[in-house]
Amino acid sequence: MAHSESFQEAEMLVDSLCKLNPHKLQKLLGNSRSMKVKRLFLFADRHNHFWLKQIDRDKVDLALRPGWERL
């Protein structure tokens, strides 16, 4: 996302992602090198998308610092 994008715009984007294929998303998140993309998908928690329950977060490197709790 561009630097000018607001949190509200990001929230609306994630809200619209209700029909993603969880298997394809898992593969994309696992192969992506963009931390912004990987962390943005975590906003889906607020929207209860069906595919989120099928994502194995342990396979998605969120580059958390030591001592940070995994979401």
Protein backbone atom coordinates (compact mmCIF):
# COMPACT_ATOMS: atom_id res chain seq x y z
CA MET A 1 0.00 0.00 0.00
CA ALA A 2 1.15 3.51 -0.71
CA HIS A 3 2.27 5.75 2.13
CA SER A 4 -0.81 7.91 1.59
CA GLU A 5 -3.28 5.06 2.19
CA SER A 6 -5.11 5.31 5.48
CA PHE A 7 -5.89 2.58 7.95
CA GLN A 8 -9.56 3.03 7.08
CA GLU A 9 -8.85 2.40 3.37
CA ALA A 10 -6.87 -0.73 4.26
CA GLU A 11 -9.76 -1.89 6.44
CA MET A 12 -12.22 -1.46 3.56
CA LEU A 13 -9.90 -3.38 1.24
CA VAL A 14 -9.67 -6.36 3.60
CA ASP A 15 -13.43 -6.27 4.17
CA SER A 16 -13.96 -6.80 0.44
CA LEU A 17 -11.81 -9.97 0.37
CA CYS A 18 -14.60 -12.32 1.40
CA LYS A 19 -14.25 -14.86 -1.44
CA LEU A 20 -10.57 -15.70 -1.40
CA ASN A 21 -9.42 -19.26 -1.98
CA PRO A 22 -7.71 -20.26 1.30
CA HIS A 23 -5.31 -22.72 -0.38
CA LYS A 24 -4.11 -20.15 -2.90
CA LEU A 25 -3.89 -17.48 -0.21
CA GLN A 26 -1.80 -19.77 2.00
CA LYS A 27 0.63 -20.33 -0.86
CA LEU A 28 0.80 -16.61 -1.72
CA LEU A 29 1.37 -15.57 1.90
CA GLY A 30 4.00 -18.26 2.37
CA ASN A 31 5.93 -17.16 -0.71
CA SER A 32 5.51 -13.39 -0.36
CA ARG A 33 8.48 -11.33 0.79
CA SER A 34 6.32 -8.29 1.55
CA MET A 35 5.75 -7.83 5.28
CA LYS A 36 3.07 -5.21 4.55
CA VAL A 37 1.06 -7.76 2.57
CA LYS A 38 1.43 -10.45 5.21
CA ARG A 39 0.44 -8.16 8.06
CA LEU A 40 -2.44 -6.62 6.13
CA PHE A 41 -4.12 -10.00 5.88
CA LEU A 42 -4.28 -10.08 9.69
CA PHE A 43 -6.92 -7.34 9.55
CA ALA A 44 -9.25 -10.08 8.34
CA ASP A 45 -9.66 -11.13 11.98
CA ARG A 46 -12.04 -8.22 12.39
CA HIS A 47 -14.23 -9.42 9.51
CA ASN A 48 -14.51 -13.14 10.30
CA HIS A 49 -13.79 -14.27 6.74
CA PHE A 50 -14.32 -18.02 6.31
CA TRP A 51 -10.91 -18.54 4.74
CA LEU A 52 -9.03 -17.14 7.73
CA LYS A 53 -9.75 -20.26 9.80
CA GLN A 54 -8.06 -22.34 7.11
CA ILE A 55 -4.81 -20.34 7.03
CA ASP A 56 -1.92 -21.90 8.95
CA ARG A 57 -0.29 -18.84 10.50
CA ASP A 58 2.77 -20.82 11.55
CA LYS A 59 3.63 -21.10 7.86
CA VAL A 60 3.44 -17.32 7.35
CA ASP A 61 6.62 -15.55 8.45
CA LEU A 62 5.48 -12.27 9.97
CA ALA A 63 9.04 -11.31 10.96
CA LEU A 64 8.05 -10.69 14.56
CA ARG A 65 10.77 -9.57 16.90
CA PRO A 66 11.82 -11.84 19.78
CA GLY A 67 9.40 -11.51 22.67
CA TRP A 68 6.47 -10.38 20.52
CA GLU A 69 3.38 -12.51 20.82
CA ARG A 70 2.22 -14.22 17.64
CA LEU A 71 -1.28 -13.31 16.65
